[in-house]
PDB file of N, CA and C in Angstrom:
ATOM      1  N   MET A   1      58.773 102.258 124.761  1.00  0.00           N
ATOM      2  CA  MET A   1      59.681 101.591 123.747  1.00  0.00           C
ATOM      3  C   MET A   1      60.848 102.415 122.710  1.00  0.00           C
ATOM      4  N   LEU A   2      59.968 103.508 122.585  1.00  0.00           N
ATOM      5  CA  LEU A   2      60.621 104.821 121.263  1.00  0.00           C
ATOM      6  C   LEU A   2      61.677 105.170 122.289  1.00  0.00           C
ATOM      7  N   ARG A   3      61.693 105.270 123.498  1.00  0.00           N
ATOM      8  CA  ARG A   3      62.763 106.047 124.227  1.00  0.00           C
ATOM      9  C   ARG A   3      64.121 105.155 124.107  1.00  0.00           C
ATOM     10  N   ILE A   4      63.766 104.143 124.327  1.00  0.00           N
ATOM     11  CA  ILE A   4      65.123 103.064 124.655  1.00  0.00           C
ATOM     12  C   ILE A   4      65.723 102.925 123.138  1.00  0.00           C
ATOM     13  N   LYS A   5      64.671 102.837 122.066  1.00  0.00           N
ATOM     14  CA  LYS A   5      64.981 102.755 120.580  1.00  0.00           C
ATOM     15  C   LYS A   5      66.209 104.014 120.334  1.00  0.00           C
ATOM     16  N   THR A   6      65.361 105.319 120.748  1.00  0.00           N
ATOM     17  CA  THR A   6      66.104 106.809 120.911  1.00  0.00           C
ATOM     18  C   THR A   6      67.767 106.555 121.312  1.00  0.00           C
ATOM     19  N   ARG A   7      67.517 105.933 122.375  1.00  0.00           N
ATOM     20  CA  ARG A   7      68.785 106.014 123.088  1.00  0.00           C
ATOM     21  C   ARG A   7      70.053 105.276 122.280  1.00  0.00           C
ATOM     22  N   ALA A   8      69.500 103.822 122.443  1.00  0.00           N
ATOM     23  CA  ALA A   8      70.142 102.982 121.476  1.00  0.00           C
ATOM     24  C   ALA A   8      71.201 103.235 120.376  1.00  0.00           C
ATOM     25  N   ILE A   9      70.129 104.422 119.670  1.00  0.00           N
ATOM     26  CA  ILE A   9      70.323 105.095 118.320  1.00  0.00           C
ATOM     27  C   ILE A   9      71.475 105.997 118.464  1.00  0.00           C
ATOM     28  N   PHE A  10      71.301 106.968 119.808  1.00  0.00           N
ATOM     29  CA  PHE A  10      72.282 107.727 120.004  1.00  0.00           C
ATOM     30  C   PHE A  10      73.867 107.297 120.847  1.00  0.00           C
ATOM     31  N   ILE A  11      73.659 106.155 121.461  1.00  0.00           N
ATOM     32  CA  ILE A  11      74.795 105.602 122.110  1.00  0.00           C
ATOM     33  C   ILE A  11      75.795 104.894 120.522  1.00  0.00           C
ATOM     34  N   VAL A  12      74.909 104.220 119.843  1.00  0.00           N
ATOM     35  CA  VAL A  12      75.923 103.709 118.132  1.00  0.00           C
ATOM     36  C   VAL A  12      76.151 104.922 117.701  1.00  0.00           C
ATOM     37  N   LEU A  13      75.633 105.934 117.681  1.00  0.00           N
ATOM     38  CA  LEU A  13      76.225 107.179 116.826  1.00  0.00           C
ATOM     39  C   LEU A  13      77.280 107.650 117.498  1.00  0.00           C
ATOM     40  N   PHE A  14      76.925 107.643 118.639  1.00  0.00           N
ATOM     41  CA  PHE A  14      78.505 108.359 119.686  1.00  0.00           C
ATOM     42  C   PHE A  14      79.881 107.549 119.643  1.00  0.00           C
ATOM     43  N   LEU A  15      79.235 106.087 119.650  1.00  0.00           N
ATOM     44  CA  LEU A  15      80.445 105.235 119.355  1.00  0.00           C
ATOM     45  C   LEU A  15      81.161 105.239 117.827  1.00  0.00           C
ATOM     46  N   VAL A  16      80.259 105.625 116.827  1.00  0.00           N
ATOM     47  CA  VAL A  16      80.807 105.615 115.748  1.00  0.00           C
ATOM     48  C   VAL A  16      81.430 106.816 115.212  1.00  0.00           C
ATOM     49  N   LEU A  17      80.813 108.032 115.920  1.00  0.00           N
ATOM     50  CA  LEU A  17      81.764 109.227 115.651  1.00  0.00           C
ATOM     51  C   LEU A  17      83.067 109.409 116.591  1.00  0.00           C
ATOM     52  N   ALA A  18      82.993 108.748 117.893  1.00  0.00           N
ATOM     53  CA  ALA A  18      84.044 108.512 118.536  1.00  0.00           C
ATOM     54  C   ALA A  18      84.802 107.926 117.669  1.00  0.00           C
ATOM     55  N   GLY A  19      84.824 106.883 117.459  1.00  0.00           N
ATOM     56  CA  GLY A  19      85.828 105.945 116.389  1.00  0.00           C
ATOM     57  C   GLY A  19      86.459 106.965 115.524  1.00  0.00           C
ATOM     58  N   LEU A  20      85.575 107.564 114.679  1.00  0.00           N
ATOM     59  CA  LEU A  20      86.317 108.357 113.591  1.00  0.00           C
ATOM     60  C   LEU A  20      86.979 109.593 114.067  1.00  0.00           C
ATOM     61  N   ILE A  21      86.699 109.987 115.328  1.00  0.00           N
ATOM     62  CA  ILE A  21      87.402 111.162 115.827  1.00  0.00           C
ATOM     63  C   ILE A  21      88.764 111.200 116.748  1.00  0.00           C
ATOM     64  N   SER A  22      88.903 109.680 117.024  1.00  0.00           N
ATOM     65  CA  SER A  22      89.978 109.405 117.990  1.00  0.00           C
ATOM     66  C   SER A  22      91.156 109.553 117.152  1.00  0.00           C
ATOM     67  N   PRO A  23      91.380 109.045 116.043  1.00  0.00           N
ATOM     68  CA  PRO A  23      92.455 109.007 115.049  1.00  0.00           C
ATOM     69  C   PRO A  23      92.911 110.424 114.799  1.00  0.00           C
ATOM     70  N   VAL A  24      92.024 111.493 114.936  1.00  0.00           N
ATOM     71  CA  VAL A  24      92.387 112.697 115.148  1.00  0.00           C
ATOM     72  C   VAL A  24      93.378 113.334 116.629  1.00  0.00           C
ATOM     73  N   TYR A  25      93.047 112.567 117.361  1.00  0.00           N
ATOM     74  CA  TYR A  25      93.758 113.135 118.767  1.00  0.00           C
ATOM     75  C   TYR A  25      95.041 111.828 119.032  1.00  0.00           C
ATOM     76  N   ALA A  26      95.095 110.948 118.343  1.00  0.00           N
ATOM     77  CA  ALA A  26      96.174 110.163 118.085  1.00  0.00           C
ATOM     78  C   ALA A  26      97.431 110.951 117.825  1.00  0.00           C
ATOM     79  N   THR A  27      97.203 111.682 116.908  1.00  0.00           N
ATOM     80  CA  THR A  27      98.732 112.642 116.344  1.00  0.00           C
ATOM     81  C   THR A  27      99.172 113.194 117.588  1.00  0.00           C
ATOM     82  N   ASP A  28      98.526 113.368 118.852  1.00  0.00           N
ATOM     83  CA  ASP A  28      99.142 114.239 119.498  1.00  0.00           C
ATOM     84  C   ASP A  28     100.759 113.509 120.491  1.00  0.00           C
ATOM     85  N   ASP A  29     100.678 111.943 119.919  1.00  0.00           N
ATOM     86  CA  ASP A  29     101.882 111.260 120.187  1.00  0.00           C
ATOM     87  C   ASP A  29     103.061 112.047 119.823  1.00  0.00           C
ATOM     88  N   LYS A  30     103.920 112.041 120.515  1.00  0.00           N
ATOM     89  CA  LYS A  30     105.380 112.413 120.044  1.00  0.00           C
ATOM     90  C   LYS A  30     105.840 111.313 118.819  1.00  0.00           C
ATOM     91  N   VAL A  31     106.543 111.802 117.641  1.00  0.00           N
ATOM     92  CA  VAL A  31     107.202 111.241 116.796  1.00  0.00           C
ATOM     93  C   VAL A  31     108.737 111.491 117.148  1.00  0.00           C
ATOM     94  N   ASN A  32     109.310 110.382 117.095  1.00  0.00           N
ATOM     95  CA  ASN A  32     110.779 110.411 117.348  1.00  0.00           C
ATOM     96  C   ASN A  32     111.465 110.270 115.808  1.00  0.00           C
ATOM     97  N   ILE A  33     111.651 111.408 115.557  1.00  0.00           N
ATOM     98  CA  ILE A  33     112.322 111.539 114.063  1.00  0.00           C
ATOM     99  C   ILE A  33     113.544 110.711 113.764  1.00  0.00           C
ATOM    100  N   ASN A  34     114.152 109.867 114.455  1.00  0.00           N
ATOM    101  CA  ASN A  34     115.479 108.981 114.264  1.00  0.00           C
ATOM    102  C   ASN A  34     114.893 107.724 113.903  1.00  0.00           C
ATOM    103  N   THR A  35     113.593 107.401 114.472  1.00  0.00           N
ATOM    104  CA  THR A  35     112.967 105.930 114.399  1.00  0.00           C
ATOM    105  C   THR A  35     111.812 106.138 113.363  1.00  0.00           C
ATOM    106  N   ALA A  36     110.994 106.972 113.340  1.00  0.00           N
ATOM    107  CA  ALA A  36     109.506 106.966 113.062  1.00  0.00           C
ATOM    108  C   ALA A  36     109.381 106.624 111.460  1.00  0.00           C
ATOM    109  N   SER A  37     108.692 105.650 111.041  1.00  0.00           N
ATOM    110  CA  SER A  37     108.309 105.640 109.751  1.00  0.00           C
ATOM    111  C   SER A  37     108.012 106.660 108.657  1.00  0.00           C
ATOM    112  N   LYS A  38     107.752 106.431 107.772  1.00  0.00           N
ATOM    113  CA  LYS A  38     107.529 107.779 106.633  1.00  0.00           C
ATOM    114  C   LYS A  38     105.943 107.977 106.641  1.00  0.00           C
ATOM    115  N   GLU A  39     105.116 106.921 107.596  1.00  0.00           N
ATOM    116  CA  GLU A  39     103.392 107.234 107.744  1.00  0.00           C
ATOM    117  C   GLU A  39     103.909 107.750 108.749  1.00  0.00           C
ATOM    118  N   GLU A  40     104.512 108.114 109.722  1.00  0.00           N
ATOM    119  CA  GLU A  40     104.509 108.789 111.204  1.00  0.00           C
ATOM    120  C   GLU A  40     104.863 110.115 110.941  1.00  0.00           C
ATOM    121  N   LEU A  41     105.565 110.084 110.013  1.00  0.00           N
ATOM    122  CA  LEU A  41     106.704 111.633 110.005  1.00  0.00           C
ATOM    123  C   LEU A  41     105.624 112.447 109.118  1.00  0.00           C
ATOM    124  N   ILE A  42     104.752 111.969 108.192  1.00  0.00           N
ATOM    125  CA  ILE A  42     103.767 112.712 107.258  1.00  0.00           C
ATOM    126  C   ILE A  42     102.462 112.913 108.610  1.00  0.00           C
ATOM    127  N   THR A  43     102.282 112.823 109.460  1.00  0.00           N
ATOM    128  CA  THR A  43     101.533 112.981 110.502  1.00  0.00           C
ATOM    129  C   THR A  43     101.752 114.494 111.294  1.00  0.00           C
ATOM    130  N   LEU A  44     102.966 114.922 111.019  1.00  0.00           N
ATOM    131  CA  LEU A  44     103.471 116.371 111.273  1.00  0.00           C
ATOM    132  C   LEU A  44     103.026 117.305 110.332  1.00  0.00           C
ATOM    133  N   LYS A  45     102.779 118.340 110.614  1.00  0.00           N
ATOM    134  CA  LYS A  45     102.249 119.496 109.865  1.00  0.00           C
ATOM    135  C   LYS A  45     103.535 120.026 108.858  1.00  0.00           C
ATOM    136  N   TYR A  46     103.130 120.133 107.619  1.00  0.00           N
ATOM    137  CA  TYR A  46     103.882 120.372 106.703  1.00  0.00           C
ATOM    138  C   TYR A  46     104.783 119.683 106.161  1.00  0.00           C
ATOM    139  N   VAL A  47     104.867 118.171 106.515  1.00  0.00           N
ATOM    140  CA  VAL A  47     105.554 117.161 106.143  1.00  0.00           C
ATOM    141  C   VAL A  47     104.844 116.479 105.083  1.00  0.00           C
ATOM    142  N   GLY A  48     104.987 116.373 103.818  1.00  0.00           N
ATOM    143  CA  GLY A  48     104.566 115.372 103.233  1.00  0.00           C
ATOM    144  C   GLY A  48     105.336 114.419 102.694  1.00  0.00           C
ATOM    145  N   GLU A  49     105.228 113.185 101.770  1.00  0.00           N
ATOM    146  CA  GLU A  49     105.505 112.468 101.648  1.00  0.00           C
ATOM    147  C   GLU A  49     106.895 112.333 101.233  1.00  0.00           C
ATOM    148  N   ALA A  50     107.412 113.571 100.225  1.00  0.00           N
ATOM    149  CA  ALA A  50     108.732 113.909  99.742  1.00  0.00           C
ATOM    150  C   ALA A  50     109.789 114.406 100.967  1.00  0.00           C
ATOM    151  N   THR A  51     109.199 115.233 101.769  1.00  0.00           N
ATOM    152  CA  THR A  51     109.763 115.336 103.045  1.00  0.00           C
ATOM    153  C   THR A  51     110.031 114.684 103.888  1.00  0.00           C
ATOM    154  N   ALA A  52     109.456 113.734 104.138  1.00  0.00           N
ATOM    155  CA  ALA A  52     109.248 112.262 105.203  1.00  0.00           C
ATOM    156  C   ALA A  52     110.449 111.592 104.510  1.00  0.00           C
ATOM    157  N   GLU A  53     110.475 111.512 103.330  1.00  0.00           N
ATOM    158  CA  GLU A  53     111.497 110.695 102.498  1.00  0.00           C
ATOM    159  C   GLU A  53     113.088 111.211 102.974  1.00  0.00           C
ATOM    160  N   LYS A  54     112.971 112.574 102.736  1.00  0.00           N
ATOM    161  CA  LYS A  54     114.034 113.544 103.042  1.00  0.00           C
ATOM    162  C   LYS A  54     114.434 113.520 104.329  1.00  0.00           C
ATOM    163  N   ILE A  55     113.868 113.277 105.441  1.00  0.00           N
ATOM    164  CA  ILE A  55     114.258 113.067 106.746  1.00  0.00           C
ATOM    165  C   ILE A  55     114.853 111.997 107.043  1.00  0.00           C
ATOM    166  N   ILE A  56     114.235 110.835 106.275  1.00  0.00           N
ATOM    167  CA  ILE A  56     114.875 109.380 106.218  1.00  0.00           C
ATOM    168  C   ILE A  56     116.143 109.115 105.999  1.00  0.00           C
ATOM    169  N   GLU A  57     116.165 109.977 104.771  1.00  0.00           N
ATOM    170  CA  GLU A  57     117.566 109.679 104.162  1.00  0.00           C
ATOM    171  C   GLU A  57     118.638 110.630 105.041  1.00  0.00           C
ATOM    172  N   TYR A  58     117.889 111.605 105.370  1.00  0.00           N
ATOM    173  CA  TYR A  58     119.232 112.153 106.333  1.00  0.00           C
ATOM    174  C   TYR A  58     119.626 111.745 107.282  1.00  0.00           C
ATOM    175  N   ARG A  59     118.687 111.186 108.131  1.00  0.00           N
ATOM    176  CA  ARG A  59     118.994 110.289 109.693  1.00  0.00           C
ATOM    177  C   ARG A  59     119.914 109.148 109.523  1.00  0.00           C
ATOM    178  N   SER A  60     119.412 108.778 108.293  1.00  0.00           N
ATOM    179  CA  SER A  60     120.368 107.510 107.885  1.00  0.00           C
ATOM    180  C   SER A  60     122.042 107.510 107.938  1.00  0.00           C
ATOM    181  N   ALA A  61     122.516 109.187 107.437  1.00  0.00           N
ATOM    182  CA  ALA A  61     124.010 109.487 107.720  1.00  0.00           C
ATOM    183  C   ALA A  61     124.089 110.518 108.825  1.00  0.00           C
ATOM    184  N   HIS A  62     123.103 110.871 109.344  1.00  0.00           N
ATOM    185  CA  HIS A  62     123.046 112.274 110.540  1.00  0.00           C
ATOM    186  C   HIS A  62     122.376 111.900 111.367  1.00  0.00           C
ATOM    187  N   PRO A  63     122.326 111.402 112.520  1.00  0.00           N
ATOM    188  CA  PRO A  63     121.123 110.866 113.018  1.00  0.00           C
ATOM    189  C   PRO A  63     120.908 112.162 113.894  1.00  0.00           C
ATOM    190  N   PHE A  64     119.734 112.660 114.614  1.00  0.00           N
ATOM    191  CA  PHE A  64     119.049 113.853 115.202  1.00  0.00           C
ATOM    192  C   PHE A  64     119.604 113.570 116.486  1.00  0.00           C
ATOM    193  N   VAL A  65     120.164 114.923 117.076  1.00  0.00           N
ATOM    194  CA  VAL A  65     120.547 114.950 118.598  1.00  0.00           C
ATOM    195  C   VAL A  65     119.532 115.569 119.385  1.00  0.00           C
ATOM    196  N   VAL A  66     119.359 117.070 118.718  1.00  0.00           N
ATOM    197  CA  VAL A  66     118.029 117.755 119.396  1.00  0.00           C
ATOM    198  C   VAL A  66     116.965 117.647 118.205  1.00  0.00           C
ATOM    199  N   PRO A  67     115.763 117.908 118.681  1.00  0.00           N
ATOM    200  CA  PRO A  67     114.587 118.231 117.459  1.00  0.00           C
ATOM    201  C   PRO A  67     115.020 119.387 116.662  1.00  0.00           C
ATOM    202  N   GLU A  68     115.854 120.605 117.052  1.00  0.00           N
ATOM    203  CA  GLU A  68     115.910 121.504 116.089  1.00  0.00           C
ATOM    204  C   GLU A  68     117.023 120.997 115.012  1.00  0.00           C
ATOM    205  N   ASP A  69     117.635 119.754 114.989  1.00  0.00           N
ATOM    206  CA  ASP A  69     118.498 119.133 114.115  1.00  0.00           C
ATOM    207  C   ASP A  69     117.506 119.032 112.870  1.00  0.00           C
ATOM    208  N   ILE A  70     116.250 118.882 112.699  1.00  0.00           N
ATOM    209  CA  ILE A  70     115.372 118.582 111.786  1.00  0.00           C
ATOM    210  C   ILE A  70     115.433 119.697 110.807  1.00  0.00           C
ATOM    211  N   MET A  71     115.865 121.132 111.278  1.00  0.00           N
ATOM    212  CA  MET A  71     115.781 122.026 110.198  1.00  0.00           C
ATOM    213  C   MET A  71     117.083 121.640 109.136  1.00  0.00           C
ATOM    214  N   LYS A  72     118.030 121.199 109.362  1.00  0.00           N
ATOM    215  CA  LYS A  72     119.071 120.641 108.565  1.00  0.00           C
ATOM    216  C   LYS A  72     118.487 119.812 107.450  1.00  0.00           C
ATOM    217  N   VAL A  73     117.408 119.397 107.481  1.00  0.00           N
ATOM    218  CA  VAL A  73     116.802 118.560 106.462  1.00  0.00           C
ATOM    219  C   VAL A  73     116.432 119.860 105.432  1.00  0.00           C
ATOM    220  N   LYS A  74     116.935 119.550 104.089  1.00  0.00           N
ATOM    221  CA  LYS A  74     116.405 120.247 103.150  1.00  0.00           C
ATOM    222  C   LYS A  74     114.822 120.572 102.894  1.00  0.00           C
ATOM    223  N   GLY A  75     113.829 121.423 102.876  1.00  0.00           N
ATOM    224  CA  GLY A  75     112.895 121.719 103.015  1.00  0.00           C
ATOM    225  C   GLY A  75     111.964 121.813 103.906  1.00  0.00           C
ATOM    226  N   VAL A  76     112.780 121.651 105.432  1.00  0.00           N
ATOM    227  CA  VAL A  76     112.438 121.886 106.799  1.00  0.00           C
ATOM    228  C   VAL A  76     112.682 122.969 107.179  1.00  0.00           C
ATOM    229  N   GLY A  77     111.962 124.061 107.233  1.00  0.00           N
ATOM    230  CA  GLY A  77     112.424 125.219 107.837  1.00  0.00           C
ATOM    231  C   GLY A  77     112.126 125.703 109.465  1.00  0.00           C
ATOM    232  N   GLN A  78     112.033 127.150 109.787  1.00  0.00           N
ATOM    233  CA  GLN A  78     111.546 127.376 110.769  1.00  0.00           C
ATOM    234  C   GLN A  78     110.244 127.091 111.440  1.00  0.00           C
ATOM    235  N   LYS A  79     109.080 127.499 110.467  1.00  0.00           N
ATOM    236  CA  LYS A  79     107.936 127.098 110.595  1.00  0.00           C
ATOM    237  C   LYS A  79     107.561 126.044 110.579  1.00  0.00           C
ATOM    238  N   THR A  80     108.008 125.011 109.981  1.00  0.00           N
ATOM    239  CA  THR A  80     107.714 123.317 109.898  1.00  0.00           C
ATOM    240  C   THR A  80     108.107 123.065 111.815  1.00  0.00           C
ATOM    241  N   PHE A  81     109.122 123.508 111.952  1.00  0.00           N
ATOM    242  CA  PHE A  81     109.983 123.096 113.160  1.00  0.00           C
ATOM    243  C   PHE A  81     108.843 123.832 114.107  1.00  0.00           C
ATOM    244  N   ASP A  82     108.376 125.102 114.324  1.00  0.00           N
ATOM    245  CA  ASP A  82     107.835 125.759 115.192  1.00  0.00           C
ATOM    246  C   ASP A  82     106.542 124.938 115.062  1.00  0.00           C
ATOM    247  N   VAL A  83     105.668 124.608 114.360  1.00  0.00           N
ATOM    248  CA  VAL A  83     104.660 123.989 114.613  1.00  0.00           C
ATOM    249  C   VAL A  83     104.300 122.623 114.969  1.00  0.00           C
ATOM    250  N   ASN A  84     105.543 121.871 114.990  1.00  0.00           N
ATOM    251  CA  ASN A  84     105.886 120.725 115.404  1.00  0.00           C
ATOM    252  C   ASN A  84     106.633 120.389 116.789  1.00  0.00           C
ATOM    253  N   LYS A  85     107.288 121.569 117.435  1.00  0.00           N
ATOM    254  CA  LYS A  85     108.005 120.767 118.127  1.00  0.00           C
ATOM    255  C   LYS A  85     107.747 120.445 119.721  1.00  0.00           C
ATOM    256  N   ASP A  86     106.444 120.877 119.638  1.00  0.00           N
ATOM    257  CA  ASP A  86     106.053 119.771 120.990  1.00  0.00           C
ATOM    258  C   ASP A  86     105.590 118.382 120.601  1.00  0.00           C
ATOM    259  N   ARG A  87     105.699 117.948 119.242  1.00  0.00           N
ATOM    260  CA  ARG A  87     105.115 116.742 118.689  1.00  0.00           C
ATOM    261  C   ARG A  87     106.579 115.830 118.628  1.00  0.00           C
ATOM    262  N   ILE A  88     107.741 116.396 118.307  1.00  0.00           N
ATOM    263  CA  ILE A  88     108.895 115.657 117.892  1.00  0.00           C
ATOM    264  C   ILE A  88     109.979 115.473 119.163  1.00  0.00           C
ATOM    265  N   CYS A  89     110.447 114.441 119.005  1.00  0.00           N
ATOM    266  CA  CYS A  89     111.767 114.198 119.581  1.00  0.00           C
ATOM    267  C   CYS A  89     113.074 113.415 119.058  1.00  0.00           C
ATOM    268  N   CYS A  90     113.792 113.145 119.780  1.00  0.00           N
ATOM    269  CA  CYS A  90     114.954 112.667 119.131  1.00  0.00           C
ATOM    270  C   CYS A  90     115.527 111.300 119.592  1.00  0.00           C
ATOM    271  N   GLY A  91     114.918 110.947 120.909  1.00  0.00           N
ATOM    272  CA  GLY A  91     114.950 109.475 122.074  1.00  0.00           C
ATOM    273  C   GLY A  91     113.730 109.189 122.153  1.00  0.00           C
ATOM    274  N   GLU A  92     114.008 108.884 123.851  1.00  0.00           N
ATOM    275  CA  GLU A  92     112.893 108.488 124.418  1.00  0.00           C
ATOM    276  C   GLU A  92     111.769 109.040 125.021  1.00  0.00           C
ATOM    277  N   SER A  93     112.321 110.269 125.218  1.00  0.00           N
ATOM    278  CA  SER A  93     111.565 111.066 125.746  1.00  0.00           C
ATOM    279  C   SER A  93     110.071 112.224 124.712  1.00  0.00           C
TER     280      SER A  93
END
């Protein structure tokens, strides 16, 4: 009986921890910098609320053609691009 309870506790703990950890892995999804919400943009490294707002403002007048265009936004430099280049896109890819 004790063995069954121990296994049940282990399974419950595993499921709880898996639920807490899974949002971390969800950040591996691509972020379309032409359509992403502020919340989605903030998932990028070195992009906070202010920078996300600048990206949104910039793209309304100048849609991004290639991911590198994000560096045209004031406050987004080479370092920010380099750490996020595998996560950002401009279209459906």
